[in-house]
Amino acid sequence: MDSENVSADTGVDLDCCTSETANSAIICGLEPDSLVRLVQTAVGLPAEALDRLAGVADKLRAVEGLPQLDSTAD
């Protein structure tokens, strides 16, 4: 997820999102609730764990017949 898309989708200026309150506001703006739960679960995980999580999401997209996303667009 790139910061420009999140900022545009939520109307939140990500430059000020260094506080837990600001991060919570962004998370709470996500839909559906399952996405909120996923993001809340991922917060605080080390980079290696986030990479594994992204890999699992890529596999799930393939199983569901969804197009693969460009993982280099961070």
C-alpha atoms as a PDB file:
ATOM      1  CA  MET A   1       0.000   0.000   0.000  1.00  0.00           C
ATOM      2  CA  ASP A   2       1.586   3.266  -0.945  1.00  0.00           C
ATOM      3  CA  SER A   3       1.155   6.372   1.147  1.00  0.00           C
ATOM      4  CA  GLU A   4      -0.248   8.443  -1.720  1.00  0.00           C
ATOM      5  CA  ASN A   5      -3.166   6.043  -2.214  1.00  0.00           C
ATOM      6  CA  VAL A   6      -3.938   5.842   1.481  1.00  0.00           C
ATOM      7  CA  SER A   7      -3.810   9.610   1.829  1.00  0.00           C
ATOM      8  CA  ALA A   8      -6.078  10.109  -1.163  1.00  0.00           C
ATOM      9  CA  ASP A   9      -8.538   7.435  -0.029  1.00  0.00           C
ATOM     10  CA  THR A  10      -8.821   8.572   3.584  1.00  0.00           C
ATOM     11  CA  GLY A  11      -8.202  12.296   3.328  1.00  0.00           C
ATOM     12  CA  VAL A  12      -5.520  11.946   6.019  1.00  0.00           C
ATOM     13  CA  ASP A  13      -2.152  13.669   5.610  1.00  0.00           C
ATOM     14  CA  LEU A  14       0.314  10.814   6.165  1.00  0.00           C
ATOM     15  CA  ASP A  15       3.141  13.202   7.079  1.00  0.00           C
ATOM     16  CA  CYS A  16       1.436  13.637  10.440  1.00  0.00           C
ATOM     17  CA  CYS A  17       0.812   9.944  10.994  1.00  0.00           C
ATOM     18  CA  THR A  18       3.614   9.314  13.413  1.00  0.00           C
ATOM     19  CA  SER A  19       1.296   9.038  16.390  1.00  0.00           C
ATOM     20  CA  GLU A  20      -0.685   5.961  17.328  1.00  0.00           C
ATOM     21  CA  THR A  21      -3.869   8.046  17.211  1.00  0.00           C
ATOM     22  CA  ALA A  22      -3.237   9.096  13.616  1.00  0.00           C
ATOM     23  CA  ASN A  23      -2.440   5.517  12.604  1.00  0.00           C
ATOM     24  CA  SER A  24      -5.650   4.324  14.268  1.00  0.00           C
ATOM     25  CA  ALA A  25      -7.630   6.925  12.333  1.00  0.00           C
ATOM     26  CA  ILE A  26      -6.266   5.597   9.049  1.00  0.00           C
ATOM     27  CA  ILE A  27      -6.962   1.994  10.027  1.00  0.00           C
ATOM     28  CA  CYS A  28     -10.505   2.822  11.137  1.00  0.00           C
ATOM     29  CA  GLY A  29     -11.175   4.398   7.746  1.00  0.00           C
ATOM     30  CA  LEU A  30     -10.585   1.106   5.956  1.00  0.00           C
ATOM     31  CA  GLU A  31     -13.417  -1.051   4.667  1.00  0.00           C
ATOM     32  CA  PRO A  32     -14.458  -3.851   5.123  1.00  0.00           C
ATOM     33  CA  ASP A  33     -13.983  -4.803   8.783  1.00  0.00           C
ATOM     34  CA  SER A  34     -11.908  -7.838   7.779  1.00  0.00           C
ATOM     35  CA  LEU A  35      -9.343  -5.491   6.198  1.00  0.00           C
ATOM     36  CA  VAL A  36      -9.235  -3.457   9.411  1.00  0.00           C
ATOM     37  CA  ARG A  37      -8.597  -6.650  11.370  1.00  0.00           C
ATOM     38  CA  LEU A  38      -5.816  -7.691   8.987  1.00  0.00           C
ATOM     39  CA  VAL A  39      -4.049  -4.315   9.229  1.00  0.00           C
ATOM     40  CA  GLN A  40      -4.393  -4.211  13.025  1.00  0.00           C
ATOM     41  CA  THR A  41      -2.891  -7.695  13.226  1.00  0.00           C
ATOM     42  CA  ALA A  42       0.017  -6.736  10.950  1.00  0.00           C
ATOM     43  CA  VAL A  43       0.938  -3.515  12.787  1.00  0.00           C
ATOM     44  CA  GLY A  44       4.223  -3.969  14.616  1.00  0.00           C
ATOM     45  CA  LEU A  45       5.324  -7.088  12.771  1.00  0.00           C
ATOM     46  CA  PRO A  46       8.926  -7.092  11.568  1.00  0.00           C
ATOM     47  CA  ALA A  47       9.637  -6.580   7.868  1.00  0.00           C
ATOM     48  CA  GLU A  48      10.326 -10.286   7.297  1.00  0.00           C
ATOM     49  CA  ALA A  49       6.931 -11.238   8.720  1.00  0.00           C
ATOM     50  CA  LEU A  50       5.221  -8.570   6.586  1.00  0.00           C
ATOM     51  CA  ASP A  51       6.930 -10.011   3.500  1.00  0.00           C
ATOM     52  CA  ARG A  52       5.613 -13.475   4.403  1.00  0.00           C
ATOM     53  CA  LEU A  53       2.133 -12.026   4.943  1.00  0.00           C
ATOM     54  CA  ALA A  54       2.262 -10.368   1.522  1.00  0.00           C
ATOM     55  CA  GLY A  55       3.351 -13.696   0.009  1.00  0.00           C
ATOM     56  CA  VAL A  56       0.358 -15.453   1.543  1.00  0.00           C
ATOM     57  CA  ALA A  57      -1.922 -12.699   0.222  1.00  0.00           C
ATOM     58  CA  ASP A  58      -0.428 -13.170  -3.263  1.00  0.00           C
ATOM     59  CA  LYS A  59      -1.183 -16.918  -3.074  1.00  0.00           C
ATOM     60  CA  LEU A  60      -4.754 -16.223  -1.926  1.00  0.00           C
ATOM     61  CA  ARG A  61      -5.253 -13.806  -4.831  1.00  0.00           C
ATOM     62  CA  ALA A  62      -4.123 -16.538  -7.238  1.00  0.00           C
ATOM     63  CA  VAL A  63      -6.496 -19.090  -5.685  1.00  0.00           C
ATOM     64  CA  GLU A  64      -9.376 -16.604  -5.996  1.00  0.00           C
ATOM     65  CA  GLY A  65      -8.490 -15.915  -9.636  1.00  0.00           C
ATOM     66  CA  LEU A  66      -7.563 -12.290  -8.960  1.00  0.00           C
ATOM     67  CA  PRO A  67      -4.770 -10.600 -10.929  1.00  0.00           C
ATOM     68  CA  GLN A  68      -1.383 -10.438  -9.256  1.00  0.00           C
ATOM     69  CA  LEU A  69      -0.285  -7.036  -8.029  1.00  0.00           C
ATOM     70  CA  ASP A  70       3.070  -5.401  -8.744  1.00  0.00           C
ATOM     71  CA  SER A  71       4.927  -5.986  -5.469  1.00  0.00           C
ATOM     72  CA  THR A  72       7.695  -3.559  -6.481  1.00  0.00           C
ATOM     73  CA  ALA A  73       5.422  -0.499  -6.203  1.00  0.00           C
ATOM     74  CA  ASP A  74       6.190   0.267  -2.542  1.00  0.00           C
END
